[in-house]
């Protein structure tokens, strides 16, 4: 099990980035959340197996067609397996 925090910057708010992220997370059976930050970035916390996380991070670098991703920062977190679904906050 692997848990990461992903910070995505660019044109990622107001373009349904969180909804597309939730759909992609469900596709990869990832638990966690996505939320808008006051500085215009989107914060994602994702927990799943390593392969699913790697595919998800790769998708985050592209995002949905409505977005423009300029930068992705990934930080490893301690897995806790307490997450039960993927939510939009």
PDB file of N, CA and C in Angstrom:
ATOM      1  N   UNK A   1       0.850  -1.183   0.000  1.00  0.00           N
ATOM      2  CA  UNK A   1       0.000   0.000   0.000  1.00  0.00           C
ATOM      3  C   UNK A   1       0.887   1.235   0.000  1.00  0.00           C
ATOM      4  N   UNK A   2       0.482   2.217  -0.793  1.00  0.00           N
ATOM      5  CA  UNK A   2       1.239   3.465  -0.914  1.00  0.00           C
ATOM      6  C   UNK A   2       0.281   4.638  -0.795  1.00  0.00           C
ATOM      7  N   UNK A   3       0.719   5.677  -0.114  1.00  0.00           N
ATOM      8  CA  UNK A   3      -0.091   6.884   0.051  1.00  0.00           C
ATOM      9  C   UNK A   3       0.754   8.084  -0.337  1.00  0.00           C
ATOM     10  N   UNK A   4       0.165   8.970  -1.159  1.00  0.00           N
ATOM     11  CA  UNK A   4       0.871  10.164  -1.618  1.00  0.00           C
ATOM     12  C   UNK A   4      -0.026  11.388  -1.528  1.00  0.00           C
ATOM     13  N   UNK A   5       0.635  12.541  -1.395  1.00  0.00           N
ATOM     14  CA  UNK A   5      -0.050  13.831  -1.550  1.00  0.00           C
ATOM     15  C   UNK A   5       0.455  14.410  -2.859  1.00  0.00           C
ATOM     16  N   UNK A   6      -0.477  14.813  -3.718  1.00  0.00           N
ATOM     17  CA  UNK A   6      -0.150  15.353  -5.027  1.00  0.00           C
ATOM     18  C   UNK A   6      -0.687  16.781  -5.089  1.00  0.00           C
ATOM     19  N   UNK A   7       0.192  17.727  -5.373  1.00  0.00           N
ATOM     20  CA  UNK A   7      -0.218  19.115  -5.560  1.00  0.00           C
ATOM     21  C   UNK A   7      -0.098  19.435  -7.043  1.00  0.00           C
ATOM     22  N   UNK A   8      -1.210  19.849  -7.637  1.00  0.00           N
ATOM     23  CA  UNK A   8      -1.262  20.113  -9.071  1.00  0.00           C
ATOM     24  C   UNK A   8      -1.522  21.604  -9.276  1.00  0.00           C
ATOM     25  N   UNK A   9      -0.660  22.237 -10.070  1.00  0.00           N
ATOM     26  CA  UNK A   9      -0.850  23.664 -10.348  1.00  0.00           C
ATOM     27  C   UNK A   9      -1.022  23.878 -11.843  1.00  0.00           C
ATOM     28  N   UNK A  10      -1.601  25.010 -12.179  1.00  0.00           N
ATOM     29  CA  UNK A  10      -1.924  25.363 -13.555  1.00  0.00           C
ATOM     30  C   UNK A  10      -3.364  25.847 -13.595  1.00  0.00           C
ATOM     31  N   UNK A  11      -4.039  25.629 -14.715  1.00  0.00           N
ATOM     32  CA  UNK A  11      -5.475  25.943 -14.775  1.00  0.00           C
ATOM     33  C   UNK A  11      -6.205  24.675 -14.345  1.00  0.00           C
ATOM     34  N   UNK A  12      -6.381  24.527 -13.032  1.00  0.00           N
ATOM     35  CA  UNK A  12      -6.938  23.289 -12.484  1.00  0.00           C
ATOM     36  C   UNK A  12      -8.161  23.535 -11.597  1.00  0.00           C
ATOM     37  N   UNK A  13      -8.545  24.786 -11.442  1.00  0.00           N
ATOM     38  CA  UNK A  13      -9.779  25.080 -10.708  1.00  0.00           C
ATOM     39  C   UNK A  13     -10.790  25.679 -11.676  1.00  0.00           C
ATOM     40  N   UNK A  14     -12.058  25.297 -11.491  1.00  0.00           N
ATOM     41  CA  UNK A  14     -13.112  25.788 -12.378  1.00  0.00           C
ATOM     42  C   UNK A  14     -13.184  25.061 -13.704  1.00  0.00           C
ATOM     43  N   UNK A  15     -12.499  23.918 -13.805  1.00  0.00           N
ATOM     44  CA  UNK A  15     -12.480  23.146 -15.057  1.00  0.00           C
ATOM     45  C   UNK A  15     -12.835  21.674 -14.810  1.00  0.00           C
ATOM     46  N   UNK A  16     -13.500  21.411 -13.678  1.00  0.00           N
ATOM     47  CA  UNK A  16     -13.933  20.058 -13.296  1.00  0.00           C
ATOM     48  C   UNK A  16     -12.769  19.107 -13.035  1.00  0.00           C
ATOM     49  N   UNK A  17     -11.618  19.658 -12.672  1.00  0.00           N
ATOM     50  CA  UNK A  17     -10.448  18.818 -12.412  1.00  0.00           C
ATOM     51  C   UNK A  17     -10.720  17.813 -11.298  1.00  0.00           C
ATOM     52  N   UNK A  18     -11.351  18.265 -10.208  1.00  0.00           N
ATOM     53  CA  UNK A  18     -11.610  17.352  -9.078  1.00  0.00           C
ATOM     54  C   UNK A  18     -12.565  16.226  -9.466  1.00  0.00           C
ATOM     55  N   UNK A  19     -13.583  16.523 -10.258  1.00  0.00           N
ATOM     56  CA  UNK A  19     -14.533  15.495 -10.678  1.00  0.00           C
ATOM     57  C   UNK A  19     -13.852  14.453 -11.575  1.00  0.00           C
ATOM     58  N   UNK A  20     -13.058  14.922 -12.532  1.00  0.00           N
ATOM     59  CA  UNK A  20     -12.320  13.990 -13.387  1.00  0.00           C
ATOM     60  C   UNK A  20     -11.329  13.171 -12.557  1.00  0.00           C
ATOM     61  N   UNK A  21     -10.715  13.815 -11.564  1.00  0.00           N
ATOM     62  CA  UNK A  21      -9.777  13.123 -10.676  1.00  0.00           C
ATOM     63  C   UNK A  21     -10.491  12.029  -9.892  1.00  0.00           C
ATOM     64  N   UNK A  22     -11.685  12.338  -9.394  1.00  0.00           N
ATOM     65  CA  UNK A  22     -12.465  11.339  -8.653  1.00  0.00           C
ATOM     66  C   UNK A  22     -12.808  10.154  -9.564  1.00  0.00           C
ATOM     67  N   UNK A  23     -13.224  10.433 -10.780  1.00  0.00           N
ATOM     68  CA  UNK A  23     -13.558   9.352 -11.711  1.00  0.00           C
ATOM     69  C   UNK A  23     -12.346   8.482 -12.023  1.00  0.00           C
ATOM     70  N   UNK A  24     -11.186   9.105 -12.233  1.00  0.00           N
ATOM     71  CA  UNK A  24      -9.965   8.355 -12.525  1.00  0.00           C
ATOM     72  C   UNK A  24      -9.539   7.548 -11.299  1.00  0.00           C
ATOM     73  N   UNK A  25      -9.680   8.123 -10.112  1.00  0.00           N
ATOM     74  CA  UNK A  25      -9.331   7.411  -8.878  1.00  0.00           C
ATOM     75  C   UNK A  25     -10.215   6.172  -8.711  1.00  0.00           C
ATOM     76  N   UNK A  26     -11.487   6.309  -8.976  1.00  0.00           N
ATOM     77  CA  UNK A  26     -12.387   5.156  -8.884  1.00  0.00           C
ATOM     78  C   UNK A  26     -11.988   4.085  -9.895  1.00  0.00           C
ATOM     79  N   UNK A  27     -11.594   4.505 -11.084  1.00  0.00           N
ATOM     80  CA  UNK A  27     -11.151   3.566 -12.122  1.00  0.00           C
ATOM     81  C   UNK A  27      -9.959   2.734 -11.640  1.00  0.00           C
ATOM     82  N   UNK A  28      -9.037   3.374 -10.904  1.00  0.00           N
ATOM     83  CA  UNK A  28      -7.845   2.697 -10.399  1.00  0.00           C
ATOM     84  C   UNK A  28      -8.019   2.144  -8.981  1.00  0.00           C
ATOM     85  N   UNK A  29      -9.248   2.201  -8.427  1.00  0.00           N
ATOM     86  CA  UNK A  29      -9.536   1.739  -7.051  1.00  0.00           C
ATOM     87  C   UNK A  29      -8.675   2.453  -6.017  1.00  0.00           C
ATOM     88  N   UNK A  30      -8.560   3.762  -6.184  1.00  0.00           N
ATOM     89  CA  UNK A  30      -7.778   4.597  -5.271  1.00  0.00           C
ATOM     90  C   UNK A  30      -8.714   5.253  -4.268  1.00  0.00           C
ATOM     91  N   UNK A  31      -8.285   5.279  -3.033  1.00  0.00           N
ATOM     92  CA  UNK A  31      -9.028   5.944  -1.953  1.00  0.00           C
ATOM     93  C   UNK A  31      -8.333   7.268  -1.650  1.00  0.00           C
ATOM     94  N   UNK A  32      -9.104   8.254  -1.187  1.00  0.00           N
ATOM     95  CA  UNK A  32      -8.511   9.530  -0.824  1.00  0.00           C
ATOM     96  C   UNK A  32      -9.449  10.685  -1.091  1.00  0.00           C
ATOM     97  N   UNK A  33      -8.881  11.823  -1.515  1.00  0.00           N
ATOM     98  CA  UNK A  33      -9.704  13.002  -1.780  1.00  0.00           C
ATOM     99  C   UNK A  33      -8.971  13.979  -2.684  1.00  0.00           C
ATOM    100  N   UNK A  34      -9.747  14.905  -3.241  1.00  0.00           N
ATOM    101  CA  UNK A  34      -9.209  16.030  -4.006  1.00  0.00           C
ATOM    102  C   UNK A  34      -9.902  17.282  -3.501  1.00  0.00           C
ATOM    103  N   UNK A  35      -9.127  18.347  -3.298  1.00  0.00           N
ATOM    104  CA  UNK A  35      -9.731  19.604  -2.852  1.00  0.00           C
ATOM    105  C   UNK A  35      -8.986  20.785  -3.455  1.00  0.00           C
ATOM    106  N   UNK A  36      -9.722  21.867  -3.668  1.00  0.00           N
ATOM    107  CA  UNK A  36      -9.129  23.110  -4.143  1.00  0.00           C
ATOM    108  C   UNK A  36      -8.402  23.788  -2.995  1.00  0.00           C
ATOM    109  N   UNK A  37      -7.270  24.397  -3.288  1.00  0.00           N
ATOM    110  CA  UNK A  37      -6.525  25.183  -2.311  1.00  0.00           C
ATOM    111  C   UNK A  37      -6.706  26.669  -2.628  1.00  0.00           C
ATOM    112  N   UNK A  38      -6.597  27.531  -1.616  1.00  0.00           N
ATOM    113  CA  UNK A  38      -6.792  28.964  -1.845  1.00  0.00           C
ATOM    114  C   UNK A  38      -5.811  29.568  -2.857  1.00  0.00           C
ATOM    115  N   UNK A  39      -4.651  28.951  -3.052  1.00  0.00           N
ATOM    116  CA  UNK A  39      -3.647  29.500  -3.968  1.00  0.00           C
ATOM    117  C   UNK A  39      -3.855  29.065  -5.423  1.00  0.00           C
ATOM    118  N   UNK A  40      -4.966  28.357  -5.709  1.00  0.00           N
ATOM    119  CA  UNK A  40      -5.286  27.968  -7.082  1.00  0.00           C
ATOM    120  C   UNK A  40      -4.874  26.559  -7.452  1.00  0.00           C
ATOM    121  N   UNK A  41      -4.149  25.872  -6.571  1.00  0.00           N
ATOM    122  CA  UNK A  41      -3.750  24.494  -6.843  1.00  0.00           C
ATOM    123  C   UNK A  41      -4.850  23.537  -6.386  1.00  0.00           C
ATOM    124  N   UNK A  42      -4.717  22.286  -6.810  1.00  0.00           N
ATOM    125  CA  UNK A  42      -5.570  21.207  -6.317  1.00  0.00           C
ATOM    126  C   UNK A  42      -4.683  20.254  -5.516  1.00  0.00           C
ATOM    127  N   UNK A  43      -5.145  19.921  -4.315  1.00  0.00           N
ATOM    128  CA  UNK A  43      -4.447  18.946  -3.476  1.00  0.00           C
ATOM    129  C   UNK A  43      -5.174  17.620  -3.581  1.00  0.00           C
ATOM    130  N   UNK A  44      -4.409  16.569  -3.830  1.00  0.00           N
ATOM    131  CA  UNK A  44      -4.961  15.223  -3.919  1.00  0.00           C
ATOM    132  C   UNK A  44      -4.211  14.341  -2.931  1.00  0.00           C
ATOM    133  N   UNK A  45      -4.946  13.590  -2.143  1.00  0.00           N
ATOM    134  CA  UNK A  45      -4.355  12.538  -1.318  1.00  0.00           C
ATOM    135  C   UNK A  45      -4.880  11.226  -1.878  1.00  0.00           C
ATOM    136  N   UNK A  46      -3.952  10.321  -2.194  1.00  0.00           N
ATOM    137  CA  UNK A  46      -4.332   9.069  -2.840  1.00  0.00           C
ATOM    138  C   UNK A  46      -3.641   7.896  -2.162  1.00  0.00           C
ATOM    139  N   UNK A  47      -4.412   6.826  -1.955  1.00  0.00           N
ATOM    140  CA  UNK A  47      -3.873   5.628  -1.318  1.00  0.00           C
ATOM    141  C   UNK A  47      -4.335   4.394  -2.089  1.00  0.00           C
ATOM    142  N   UNK A  48      -3.371   3.560  -2.490  1.00  0.00           N
ATOM    143  CA  UNK A  48      -3.660   2.324  -3.240  1.00  0.00           C
ATOM    144  C   UNK A  48      -2.354   1.565  -3.396  1.00  0.00           C
ATOM    145  N   UNK A  49      -2.397   0.510  -4.181  1.00  0.00           N
ATOM    146  CA  UNK A  49      -1.187  -0.225  -4.506  1.00  0.00           C
ATOM    147  C   UNK A  49      -0.253   0.620  -5.365  1.00  0.00           C
ATOM    148  N   UNK A  50       1.017   0.270  -5.391  1.00  0.00           N
ATOM    149  CA  UNK A  50       2.027   1.067  -6.084  1.00  0.00           C
ATOM    150  C   UNK A  50       1.723   1.265  -7.567  1.00  0.00           C
ATOM    151  N   UNK A  51       1.325   0.214  -8.281  1.00  0.00           N
ATOM    152  CA  UNK A  51       1.057   0.334  -9.711  1.00  0.00           C
ATOM    153  C   UNK A  51      -0.086   1.320  -9.987  1.00  0.00           C
ATOM    154  N   UNK A  52      -1.159   1.229  -9.204  1.00  0.00           N
ATOM    155  CA  UNK A  52      -2.295   2.142  -9.372  1.00  0.00           C
ATOM    156  C   UNK A  52      -1.871   3.583  -9.093  1.00  0.00           C
ATOM    157  N   UNK A  53      -1.076   3.783  -8.062  1.00  0.00           N
ATOM    158  CA  UNK A  53      -0.605   5.131  -7.732  1.00  0.00           C
ATOM    159  C   UNK A  53       0.267   5.678  -8.858  1.00  0.00           C
ATOM    160  N   UNK A  54       1.150   4.876  -9.397  1.00  0.00           N
ATOM    161  CA  UNK A  54       2.014   5.335 -10.487  1.00  0.00           C
ATOM    162  C   UNK A  54       1.195   5.749 -11.710  1.00  0.00           C
ATOM    163  N   UNK A  55       0.196   4.958 -12.068  1.00  0.00           N
ATOM    164  CA  UNK A  55      -0.672   5.298 -13.205  1.00  0.00           C
ATOM    165  C   UNK A  55      -1.453   6.577 -12.927  1.00  0.00           C
ATOM    166  N   UNK A  56      -1.919   6.734 -11.695  1.00  0.00           N
ATOM    167  CA  UNK A  56      -2.687   7.904 -11.295  1.00  0.00           C
ATOM    168  C   UNK A  56      -1.812   9.161 -11.349  1.00  0.00           C
ATOM    169  N   UNK A  57      -0.597   9.077 -10.835  1.00  0.00           N
ATOM    170  CA  UNK A  57       0.324  10.219 -10.885  1.00  0.00           C
ATOM    171  C   UNK A  57       0.599  10.610 -12.336  1.00  0.00           C
ATOM    172  N   UNK A  58       0.791   9.625 -13.186  1.00  0.00           N
ATOM    173  CA  UNK A  58       1.025   9.905 -14.606  1.00  0.00           C
ATOM    174  C   UNK A  58      -0.165  10.656 -15.190  1.00  0.00           C
ATOM    175  N   UNK A  59      -1.386  10.225 -14.847  1.00  0.00           N
ATOM    176  CA  UNK A  59      -2.580  10.922 -15.331  1.00  0.00           C
ATOM    177  C   UNK A  59      -2.626  12.351 -14.790  1.00  0.00           C
ATOM    178  N   UNK A  60      -2.236  12.551 -13.535  1.00  0.00           N
ATOM    179  CA  UNK A  60      -2.272  13.892 -12.932  1.00  0.00           C
ATOM    180  C   UNK A  60      -1.378  14.876 -13.681  1.00  0.00           C
ATOM    181  N   UNK A  61      -0.317  14.398 -14.293  1.00  0.00           N
ATOM    182  CA  UNK A  61       0.553  15.275 -15.067  1.00  0.00           C
ATOM    183  C   UNK A  61      -0.140  15.793 -16.333  1.00  0.00           C
ATOM    184  N   UNK A  62      -1.149  15.083 -16.770  1.00  0.00           N
ATOM    185  CA  UNK A  62      -1.906  15.487 -17.956  1.00  0.00           C
ATOM    186  C   UNK A  62      -3.234  16.119 -17.556  1.00  0.00           C
ATOM    187  N   UNK A  63      -3.986  15.441 -16.699  1.00  0.00           N
ATOM    188  CA  UNK A  63      -5.289  15.928 -16.266  1.00  0.00           C
ATOM    189  C   UNK A  63      -6.322  15.824 -17.371  1.00  0.00           C
ATOM    190  N   UNK A  64      -7.517  16.330 -17.107  1.00  0.00           N
ATOM    191  CA  UNK A  64      -8.570  16.297 -18.125  1.00  0.00           C
ATOM    192  C   UNK A  64      -8.281  17.327 -19.220  1.00  0.00           C
ATOM    193  N   UNK A  65      -8.951  17.174 -20.341  1.00  0.00           N
ATOM    194  CA  UNK A  65      -8.740  18.065 -21.487  1.00  0.00           C
ATOM    195  C   UNK A  65      -9.091  19.514 -21.152  1.00  0.00           C
ATOM    196  N   UNK A  66      -9.963  19.726 -20.176  1.00  0.00           N
ATOM    197  CA  UNK A  66     -10.385  21.071 -19.800  1.00  0.00           C
ATOM    198  C   UNK A  66      -9.327  21.809 -18.980  1.00  0.00           C
ATOM    199  N   UNK A  67      -8.328  21.096 -18.486  1.00  0.00           N
ATOM    200  CA  UNK A  67      -7.314  21.684 -17.608  1.00  0.00           C
ATOM    201  C   UNK A  67      -6.002  21.923 -18.344  1.00  0.00           C
ATOM    202  N   UNK A  68      -5.135  22.701 -17.711  1.00  0.00           N
ATOM    203  CA  UNK A  68      -3.757  22.861 -18.166  1.00  0.00           C
ATOM    204  C   UNK A  68      -2.861  22.648 -16.941  1.00  0.00           C
ATOM    205  N   UNK A  69      -2.170  21.549 -16.904  1.00  0.00           N
ATOM    206  CA  UNK A  69      -1.309  21.219 -15.776  1.00  0.00           C
ATOM    207  C   UNK A  69       0.082  21.782 -16.047  1.00  0.00           C
ATOM    208  N   UNK A  70       0.542  22.651 -15.146  1.00  0.00           N
ATOM    209  CA  UNK A  70       1.871  23.247 -15.274  1.00  0.00           C
ATOM    210  C   UNK A  70       2.907  22.532 -14.416  1.00  0.00           C
ATOM    211  N   UNK A  71       2.490  22.057 -13.250  1.00  0.00           N
ATOM    212  CA  UNK A  71       3.442  21.447 -12.325  1.00  0.00           C
ATOM    213  C   UNK A  71       2.723  20.452 -11.425  1.00  0.00           C
ATOM    214  N   UNK A  72       3.395  19.341 -11.138  1.00  0.00           N
ATOM    215  CA  UNK A  72       2.877  18.324 -10.211  1.00  0.00           C
ATOM    216  C   UNK A  72       3.964  18.032  -9.190  1.00  0.00           C
ATOM    217  N   UNK A  73       3.605  18.147  -7.924  1.00  0.00           N
ATOM    218  CA  UNK A  73       4.525  17.847  -6.823  1.00  0.00           C
ATOM    219  C   UNK A  73       3.971  16.652  -6.049  1.00  0.00           C
ATOM    220  N   UNK A  74       4.781  15.618  -5.876  1.00  0.00           N
ATOM    221  CA  UNK A  74       4.343  14.402  -5.194  1.00  0.00           C
ATOM    222  C   UNK A  74       5.148  14.223  -3.914  1.00  0.00           C
ATOM    223  N   UNK A  75       4.444  14.025  -2.810  1.00  0.00           N
ATOM    224  CA  UNK A  75       5.068  13.782  -1.512  1.00  0.00           C
ATOM    225  C   UNK A  75       4.573  12.450  -0.980  1.00  0.00           C
ATOM    226  N   UNK A  76       5.481  11.604  -0.566  1.00  0.00           N
ATOM    227  CA  UNK A  76       5.112  10.316   0.020  1.00  0.00           C
ATOM    228  C   UNK A  76       4.577  10.530   1.441  1.00  0.00           C
ATOM    229  N   UNK A  77       3.504   9.840   1.771  1.00  0.00           N
ATOM    230  CA  UNK A  77       2.915   9.880   3.104  1.00  0.00           C
ATOM    231  C   UNK A  77       2.932   8.481   3.695  1.00  0.00           C
ATOM    232  N   UNK A  78       2.719   8.413   4.995  1.00  0.00           N
ATOM    233  CA  UNK A  78       2.639   7.128   5.679  1.00  0.00           C
ATOM    234  C   UNK A  78       1.265   6.502   5.410  1.00  0.00           C
ATOM    235  N   UNK A  79       1.205   5.312   4.791  1.00  0.00           N
ATOM    236  CA  UNK A  79      -0.104   4.679   4.547  1.00  0.00           C
ATOM    237  C   UNK A  79      -0.793   4.336   5.861  1.00  0.00           C
ATOM    238  N   UNK A  80      -2.101   4.535   5.878  1.00  0.00           N
ATOM    239  CA  UNK A  80      -2.852   4.205   7.089  1.00  0.00           C
ATOM    240  C   UNK A  80      -4.062   3.335   6.799  1.00  0.00           C
ATOM    241  N   UNK A  81      -4.400   3.191   5.536  1.00  0.00           N
ATOM    242  CA  UNK A  81      -5.533   2.364   5.098  1.00  0.00           C
ATOM    243  C   UNK A  81      -6.830   2.706   5.816  1.00  0.00           C
ATOM    244  N   UNK A  82      -6.960   3.947   6.262  1.00  0.00           N
ATOM    245  CA  UNK A  82      -8.180   4.384   6.929  1.00  0.00           C
ATOM    246  C   UNK A  82      -9.164   5.002   5.949  1.00  0.00           C
ATOM    247  N   UNK A  83      -8.711   5.281   4.736  1.00  0.00           N
ATOM    248  CA  UNK A  83      -9.567   5.885   3.745  1.00  0.00           C
ATOM    249  C   UNK A  83     -10.496   4.830   3.158  1.00  0.00           C
ATOM    250  N   UNK A  84     -11.756   5.203   2.939  1.00  0.00           N
ATOM    251  CA  UNK A  84     -12.741   4.236   2.483  1.00  0.00           C
ATOM    252  C   UNK A  84     -13.290   4.505   1.095  1.00  0.00           C
ATOM    253  N   UNK A  85     -13.067   5.724   0.573  1.00  0.00           N
ATOM    254  CA  UNK A  85     -13.573   6.082  -0.744  1.00  0.00           C
ATOM    255  C   UNK A  85     -12.732   7.237  -1.273  1.00  0.00           C
ATOM    256  N   UNK A  86     -13.082   7.768  -2.448  1.00  0.00           N
ATOM    257  CA  UNK A  86     -12.405   8.946  -2.972  1.00  0.00           C
ATOM    258  C   UNK A  86     -13.431  10.059  -3.014  1.00  0.00           C
ATOM    259  N   UNK A  87     -13.172  11.121  -2.271  1.00  0.00           N
ATOM    260  CA  UNK A  87     -14.132  12.211  -2.102  1.00  0.00           C
ATOM    261  C   UNK A  87     -13.626  13.500  -2.712  1.00  0.00           C
ATOM    262  N   UNK A  88     -14.574  14.357  -3.062  1.00  0.00           N
ATOM    263  CA  UNK A  88     -14.271  15.735  -3.449  1.00  0.00           C
ATOM    264  C   UNK A  88     -14.570  16.588  -2.251  1.00  0.00           C
ATOM    265  N   UNK A  89     -13.600  17.352  -1.841  1.00  0.00           N
ATOM    266  CA  UNK A  89     -13.799  18.251  -0.686  1.00  0.00           C
ATOM    267  C   UNK A  89     -13.868  19.682  -1.147  1.00  0.00           C
TER     268      UNK A  89
END
